[in-house]
C-alpha cells in the first residue's frame, strides 16, 4: 500500500540533495585535490541512504526498498575497502550469506508452485482435449518467444560488452569446474522424466517436476468428481498459500540484495559498479526491445481484451 504523506516528498528531496552533496564532495576531493576527511564523506553518504530508507518506509513499496538495499550494500562494500584485506574478505564473505539465504528461499517456491498451478489448470477443466490444444499452443508460443528473447539478449550483450575486462575474485578465478562427459540426445530426453518426485524436488529438477505435475493433473481429471474434488481443493489452497509465501519471501529481497552488493563491492572493488550499471542498462534496453518488438506484436495479433493496460501497469509497477 502506498501513501501520499508529505513526509514522503521531504525524504525524497533530502535524499537527492544529500546524494548531490556527496557527489560534489567526491568530485572536489578526487579532481580538485582538496583533502576531505573520509569520515565526512561517509557520513554524507550514509545520511543520503538514511533519507532514502525513510522514503521507502513511508512509500511502502518493494522497489524503493530494493534500491535502498543496493545502496546500503554498495556503501558497506566500499567502506570495507579501507580495512585490511583479511578483514575485508572475511566480512564480505559473511555478508554473502544474506544473499544465499534469499536464493535458497526462492528455490523453495518453484516446485510447489509449479505443481499446484499446473494441476489446478489441468484438472480444473473437464475437457482435456481443449486443455491439450491450449497446452500445445502455449508450448509453441513459449518456444518461439523464448528463442527470440535469447537472440535479443545475446545481441544486446554483444553490443554493450558489459563485464568485459572485469577481474573476478581470486577464489572465484581459481575455482575449477570438473568437466562432465558430453551428453547424448537420449540422455537429455531421459533426464526430463522423473524417477522419484521427491528426488526431483530436492535436486531442483524443474522439467521433471513439470512432467510429473502434467501427468498428475491429467490423472486427477480422469477420476470421478467425488474423488477429484478434495485433491483439487488442496492444490488450489496450496497455490494460494505459495503466492502468499512468495510475497513474504520478497520482503527479504532488499536484505538479500544488500548482502550480494556488499560482497561484490567488498571483494572486487567499487569499480565493479560501472560494469554493473552497464549491465543493468543493457538489461533494460533489451527488455524494451523485447516488449516493443515481440510482446506488443503478439498482443496485437492475439487481440488481448480491452483494459489489459491497467493490469500491465500494475505488473511493471510491482
Protein backbone atom coordinates (compact mmCIF):
# COMPACT_ATOMS: atom_id res chain seq x y z
CA UNK A 1 0.00 0.00 0.00
CA UNK A 2 1.28 3.43 -0.90
CA UNK A 3 0.72 6.66 0.96
CA UNK A 4 0.92 10.22 -0.20
CA UNK A 5 2.27 11.60 3.07
CA UNK A 6 4.02 14.97 2.74
CA UNK A 7 6.99 13.44 4.51
CA UNK A 8 7.46 11.16 1.53
CA UNK A 9 8.38 14.11 -0.67
CA UNK A 10 10.59 15.57 2.03
CA UNK A 11 12.59 12.36 2.38
CA UNK A 12 12.98 12.12 -1.38
CA UNK A 13 14.19 15.72 -1.65
CA UNK A 14 16.56 15.13 1.27
CA UNK A 15 17.95 12.03 -0.42
CA UNK A 16 18.52 13.81 -3.73
CA UNK A 17 20.11 16.81 -2.00
CA UNK A 18 22.41 14.70 0.18
CA UNK A 19 23.33 12.45 -2.75
CA UNK A 20 24.19 15.54 -4.78
CA UNK A 21 26.33 16.91 -1.95
CA UNK A 22 28.11 13.57 -1.64
CA UNK A 23 28.85 13.53 -5.37
CA UNK A 24 30.07 17.14 -5.22
CA UNK A 25 32.37 16.45 -2.28
CA UNK A 26 33.76 13.35 -4.02
CA UNK A 27 34.43 15.35 -7.20
CA UNK A 28 36.18 18.09 -5.23
CA UNK A 29 38.30 15.55 -3.40
CA UNK A 30 39.07 13.40 -6.44
CA UNK A 31 39.58 16.01 -9.14
CA UNK A 32 40.20 19.22 -7.18
CA UNK A 33 42.91 17.82 -4.96
CA UNK A 34 41.17 19.13 -1.81
CA UNK A 35 41.65 16.84 1.17
CA UNK A 36 38.29 15.94 2.69
CA UNK A 37 38.14 13.64 5.69
CA UNK A 38 36.82 10.19 4.72
CA UNK A 39 34.51 10.18 7.74
CA UNK A 40 32.79 13.32 6.42
CA UNK A 41 32.26 11.74 3.00
CA UNK A 42 30.98 8.54 4.57
CA UNK A 43 28.68 10.49 6.89
CA UNK A 44 27.07 12.38 4.00
CA UNK A 45 26.61 9.14 2.02
CA UNK A 46 25.02 7.35 4.97
CA UNK A 47 22.75 10.34 5.60
CA UNK A 48 21.57 10.15 2.00
CA UNK A 49 20.93 6.41 2.37
CA UNK A 50 19.02 7.01 5.61
CA UNK A 51 16.82 9.55 3.82
CA UNK A 52 16.14 7.00 1.07
CA UNK A 53 15.23 4.40 3.68
CA UNK A 54 12.80 6.88 5.24
CA UNK A 55 11.24 7.50 1.84
CA UNK A 56 10.95 3.75 1.22
CA UNK A 57 9.39 3.16 4.64
CA UNK A 58 6.68 5.76 4.03
CA UNK A 59 6.01 4.71 0.43
CA UNK A 60 5.72 1.03 1.42
CA UNK A 61 6.74 -0.31 -1.97
CA UNK A 62 9.23 -3.08 -2.62
CA UNK A 63 11.02 -1.30 -5.48
CA UNK A 64 12.49 1.62 -3.45
CA UNK A 65 13.40 -0.81 -0.67
CA UNK A 66 15.39 -2.93 -3.14
CA UNK A 67 17.10 0.20 -4.46
CA UNK A 68 17.89 1.22 -0.88
CA UNK A 69 19.29 -2.26 -0.24
CA UNK A 70 21.54 -1.90 -3.27
CA UNK A 71 22.93 1.39 -1.97
CA UNK A 72 23.37 0.07 1.57
CA UNK A 73 25.25 -2.96 0.28
CA UNK A 74 27.40 -0.87 -2.07
CA UNK A 75 28.26 1.55 0.76
CA UNK A 76 29.16 -1.27 3.14
CA UNK A 77 31.31 -2.90 0.48
CA UNK A 78 33.01 0.41 -0.29
CA UNK A 79 33.69 1.06 3.40
CA UNK A 80 35.24 -2.39 3.66
CA UNK A 81 37.89 -1.40 1.12
CA UNK A 82 39.51 0.78 3.83
CA UNK A 83 40.01 -2.27 6.07
CA UNK A 84 42.76 -4.86 5.77
CA UNK A 85 42.44 -7.47 3.06
CA UNK A 86 41.80 -10.26 5.55
CA UNK A 87 39.08 -8.31 7.35
CA UNK A 88 37.54 -7.12 4.11
CA UNK A 89 37.32 -10.57 2.54
CA UNK A 90 36.07 -12.22 5.73
CA UNK A 91 33.35 -9.61 6.33
CA UNK A 92 32.29 -9.64 2.69
CA UNK A 93 32.08 -13.44 2.77
CA UNK A 94 29.97 -13.30 5.93
CA UNK A 95 27.58 -10.82 4.33
CA UNK A 96 27.19 -13.05 1.28
CA UNK A 97 25.20 -15.45 3.43
CA UNK A 98 22.28 -12.97 3.28
CA UNK A 99 22.01 -13.29 -0.48
CA UNK A 100 22.46 -17.07 -0.23
CA UNK A 101 19.53 -17.26 2.20
CA UNK A 102 17.33 -15.29 -0.18
CA UNK A 103 18.25 -17.51 -3.14
CA UNK A 104 17.55 -20.66 -1.13
CA UNK A 105 14.14 -19.33 -0.12
CA UNK A 106 13.36 -18.51 -3.75
CA UNK A 107 14.22 -22.08 -4.76
CA UNK A 108 11.73 -23.45 -2.22
CA UNK A 109 8.90 -21.74 -4.09
CA UNK A 110 9.44 -23.32 -7.50
CA UNK A 111 8.36 -26.95 -7.11
CA UNK A 112 5.18 -26.46 -5.00
CA UNK A 113 4.07 -23.51 -7.12
CA UNK A 114 4.58 -25.36 -10.41
CA UNK A 115 2.83 -28.47 -9.09
CA UNK A 116 -0.20 -26.68 -7.66
CA UNK A 117 -0.80 -24.31 -10.59
CA UNK A 118 -0.38 -26.98 -13.28
CA UNK A 119 -2.61 -29.48 -11.51
CA UNK A 120 -5.33 -26.88 -10.94
CA UNK A 121 -5.04 -25.67 -14.54
CA UNK A 122 -5.37 -29.18 -15.98
CA UNK A 123 -7.70 -30.95 -13.56
CA UNK A 124 -9.90 -27.90 -13.14
CA UNK A 125 -11.14 -28.28 -16.74
CA UNK A 126 -13.39 -31.14 -17.69
CA UNK A 127 -12.48 -31.03 -21.39
CA UNK A 128 -8.97 -32.49 -21.64
CA UNK A 129 -8.91 -32.08 -25.42
CA UNK A 130 -9.33 -28.33 -25.05
CA UNK A 131 -6.64 -28.28 -22.37
CA UNK A 132 -4.33 -30.24 -24.71
CA UNK A 133 -4.87 -27.79 -27.57
CA UNK A 134 -4.19 -24.86 -25.25
CA UNK A 135 -1.09 -26.61 -23.93
CA UNK A 136 0.31 -27.18 -27.42
CA UNK A 137 -0.32 -23.54 -28.37
CA UNK A 138 1.27 -22.36 -25.13
CA UNK A 139 4.30 -24.60 -25.70
CA UNK A 140 4.79 -23.33 -29.26
CA UNK A 141 4.38 -19.73 -28.08
CA UNK A 142 6.86 -20.30 -25.24
CA UNK A 143 9.49 -21.85 -27.51
CA UNK A 144 9.24 -19.12 -30.16
CA UNK A 145 9.17 -16.20 -27.73
CA UNK A 146 11.97 -17.67 -25.60
CA UNK A 147 14.15 -18.16 -28.68
CA UNK A 148 13.59 -14.56 -29.75
CA UNK A 149 14.36 -13.38 -26.21
CA UNK A 150 17.64 -15.33 -26.26
CA UNK A 151 18.68 -13.75 -29.57
CA UNK A 152 17.80 -10.26 -28.31
CA UNK A 153 19.75 -10.84 -25.09
CA UNK A 154 22.79 -12.19 -26.96
CA UNK A 155 22.74 -9.26 -29.37
CA UNK A 156 22.41 -6.74 -26.51
CA UNK A 157 25.32 -8.14 -24.50
CA UNK A 158 27.44 -8.46 -27.66
CA UNK A 159 26.88 -4.80 -28.49
CA UNK A 160 27.34 -3.41 -24.97
CA UNK A 161 30.13 -5.82 -23.93
CA UNK A 162 29.14 -5.34 -20.29
CA UNK A 163 31.58 -7.11 -18.00
CA UNK A 164 34.48 -7.16 -20.45
CA UNK A 165 37.75 -6.66 -18.59
CA UNK A 166 36.23 -7.48 -15.22
CA UNK A 167 38.58 -9.44 -12.98
CA UNK A 168 36.82 -11.95 -10.70
CA UNK A 169 37.92 -12.53 -7.10
CA UNK A 170 40.91 -14.80 -6.56
CA UNK A 171 38.82 -17.59 -5.03
CA UNK A 172 36.40 -17.50 -7.96
CA UNK A 173 39.17 -17.31 -10.52
CA UNK A 174 40.97 -20.34 -9.10
CA UNK A 175 37.82 -22.38 -8.74
CA UNK A 176 37.71 -25.18 -11.25
CA UNK A 177 34.69 -26.98 -12.57
CA UNK A 178 35.09 -30.67 -13.14
CA UNK A 179 34.46 -31.44 -16.77
CA UNK A 180 31.38 -33.59 -17.33
CA UNK A 181 31.25 -36.01 -20.25
CA UNK A 182 29.14 -34.78 -23.19
CA UNK A 183 25.53 -35.98 -23.08
CA UNK A 184 23.81 -37.76 -25.93
CA UNK A 185 20.36 -36.64 -27.04
CA UNK A 186 18.93 -39.76 -25.41
CA UNK A 187 20.41 -38.70 -22.07
CA UNK A 188 18.85 -35.25 -22.41
CA UNK A 189 15.41 -36.70 -23.16
CA UNK A 190 15.70 -39.27 -20.37
CA UNK A 191 16.67 -36.56 -17.90
CA UNK A 192 13.30 -34.85 -18.44
CA UNK A 193 11.32 -37.70 -16.90
CA UNK A 194 11.42 -38.22 -13.12
CA UNK A 195 12.21 -41.48 -11.38
CA UNK A 196 11.47 -40.13 -7.92
CA UNK A 197 9.46 -36.93 -7.48
CA UNK A 198 10.95 -36.28 -4.03
CA UNK A 199 14.43 -36.53 -5.52
CA UNK A 200 13.44 -34.21 -8.38
CA UNK A 201 12.14 -31.60 -5.93
CA UNK A 202 15.23 -31.89 -3.71
CA UNK A 203 17.60 -31.51 -6.67
CA UNK A 204 15.63 -28.66 -8.23
CA UNK A 205 14.90 -30.50 -11.48
CA UNK A 206 12.19 -28.18 -12.79
CA UNK A 207 11.39 -30.08 -16.00
CA UNK A 208 10.90 -33.32 -14.07
CA UNK A 209 8.51 -31.54 -11.69
CA UNK A 210 6.63 -30.14 -14.70
CA UNK A 211 6.27 -33.58 -16.32
CA UNK A 212 5.08 -35.14 -13.06
CA UNK A 213 2.61 -32.29 -12.48
CA UNK A 214 1.15 -32.61 -16.00
CA UNK A 215 0.66 -36.38 -15.71
CA UNK A 216 -0.74 -35.99 -12.19
CA UNK A 217 -3.19 -33.33 -13.38
CA UNK A 218 -4.37 -35.49 -16.28
CA UNK A 219 -4.84 -38.47 -13.96
CA UNK A 220 -6.76 -36.32 -11.50
CA UNK A 221 -9.03 -35.06 -14.28
CA UNK A 222 -9.87 -38.63 -15.32
CA UNK A 223 -11.24 -39.79 -11.96
CA UNK A 224 -14.70 -39.12 -10.61
CA UNK A 225 -15.82 -35.80 -9.22
CA UNK A 226 -16.19 -37.19 -5.70
CA UNK A 227 -12.56 -38.31 -5.52
CA UNK A 228 -11.18 -35.41 -7.56
CA UNK A 229 -12.69 -32.53 -5.63
CA UNK A 230 -10.69 -32.93 -2.34
CA UNK A 231 -7.33 -33.14 -4.13
CA UNK A 232 -8.24 -30.25 -6.44
CA UNK A 233 -9.27 -28.14 -3.44
CA UNK A 234 -5.96 -28.99 -1.77
CA UNK A 235 -3.99 -27.90 -4.86
CA UNK A 236 -5.99 -24.69 -5.11
CA UNK A 237 -5.27 -23.92 -1.46
CA UNK A 238 -1.60 -24.83 -1.96
CA UNK A 239 -1.39 -22.45 -4.92
CA UNK A 240 -2.88 -19.58 -2.92
CA UNK A 241 -0.57 -20.30 0.00
CA UNK A 242 2.50 -20.38 -2.25
CA UNK A 243 1.63 -17.00 -3.75
CA UNK A 244 1.39 -15.55 -0.23
CA UNK A 245 4.61 -17.41 0.61
CA UNK A 246 6.27 -15.67 -2.34
CA UNK A 247 5.11 -12.27 -1.12
CA UNK A 248 6.62 -12.96 2.31
CA UNK A 249 9.95 -14.08 0.84
CA UNK A 250 10.11 -11.00 -1.39
CA UNK A 251 10.12 -8.88 1.76
CA UNK A 252 13.61 -10.29 2.37
CA UNK A 253 14.75 -9.21 -1.12
CA UNK A 254 16.27 -5.85 -0.02
CA UNK A 255 18.38 -7.63 2.61
CA UNK A 256 19.50 -10.26 0.12
CA UNK A 257 20.38 -7.58 -2.43
CA UNK A 258 22.32 -5.64 0.22
CA UNK A 259 24.33 -8.74 1.09
CA UNK A 260 25.08 -9.50 -2.56
CA UNK A 261 26.16 -5.92 -3.27
CA UNK A 262 28.33 -5.77 -0.15
CA UNK A 263 30.09 -8.99 -1.15
CA UNK A 264 30.58 -7.91 -4.76
CA UNK A 265 31.91 -4.44 -4.00
CA UNK A 266 33.89 -5.62 -0.99
CA UNK A 267 35.74 -8.33 -2.94
CA UNK A 268 36.02 -6.71 -6.39
CA UNK A 269 36.25 -3.02 -5.53
CA UNK A 270 33.94 -0.09 -6.18
CA UNK A 271 34.94 -0.03 -9.84
CA UNK A 272 32.70 -3.02 -10.43
CA UNK A 273 29.71 -0.68 -10.06
CA UNK A 274 30.42 0.75 -13.51
CA UNK A 275 30.21 -2.73 -15.01
CA UNK A 276 27.05 -3.50 -13.04
CA UNK A 277 25.45 -0.24 -14.17
CA UNK A 278 26.36 -1.03 -17.77
CA UNK A 279 24.87 -4.50 -17.39
CA UNK A 280 21.70 -3.03 -15.87
CA UNK A 281 21.29 -0.56 -18.72
CA UNK A 282 21.84 -3.40 -21.20
CA UNK A 283 19.16 -5.46 -19.44
CA UNK A 284 16.53 -2.73 -19.54
CA UNK A 285 17.36 -1.84 -23.14
CA UNK A 286 16.93 -5.50 -24.13
CA UNK A 287 13.64 -5.66 -22.20
CA UNK A 288 12.33 -2.59 -24.01
CA UNK A 289 13.24 -4.09 -27.38
CA UNK A 290 11.64 -7.40 -26.36
CA UNK A 291 8.40 -5.75 -25.27
CA UNK A 292 8.11 -3.49 -28.32
CA UNK A 293 9.27 -5.97 -30.98
CA UNK A 294 7.91 -9.25 -29.58
CA UNK A 295 5.26 -8.92 -26.88
CA UNK A 296 3.45 -5.96 -28.40
CA UNK A 297 3.02 -7.59 -31.85
CA UNK A 298 1.88 -10.80 -30.14
CA UNK A 299 -0.65 -8.85 -28.08
CA UNK A 300 -1.97 -7.11 -31.20
CA UNK A 301 -2.22 -10.38 -33.13
CA UNK A 302 -3.88 -12.20 -30.23
CA UNK A 303 -6.25 -9.24 -29.69
CA UNK A 304 -5.94 -9.02 -25.94
CA UNK A 305 -9.07 -7.72 -24.19
CA UNK A 306 -9.51 -4.05 -23.53
CA UNK A 307 -8.43 -2.88 -20.11
CA UNK A 308 -5.33 -5.08 -20.06
CA UNK A 309 -3.21 -1.92 -19.88
CA UNK A 310 -4.13 -1.41 -16.23
CA UNK A 311 -3.01 -4.92 -15.30
CA UNK A 312 0.25 -4.49 -17.21
CA UNK A 313 0.94 -1.21 -15.44
CA UNK A 314 0.38 -2.89 -12.07
CA UNK A 315 2.78 -5.70 -13.00
CA UNK A 316 5.55 -3.32 -14.12
CA UNK A 317 4.98 -1.11 -11.06
CA UNK A 318 5.37 -4.04 -8.67
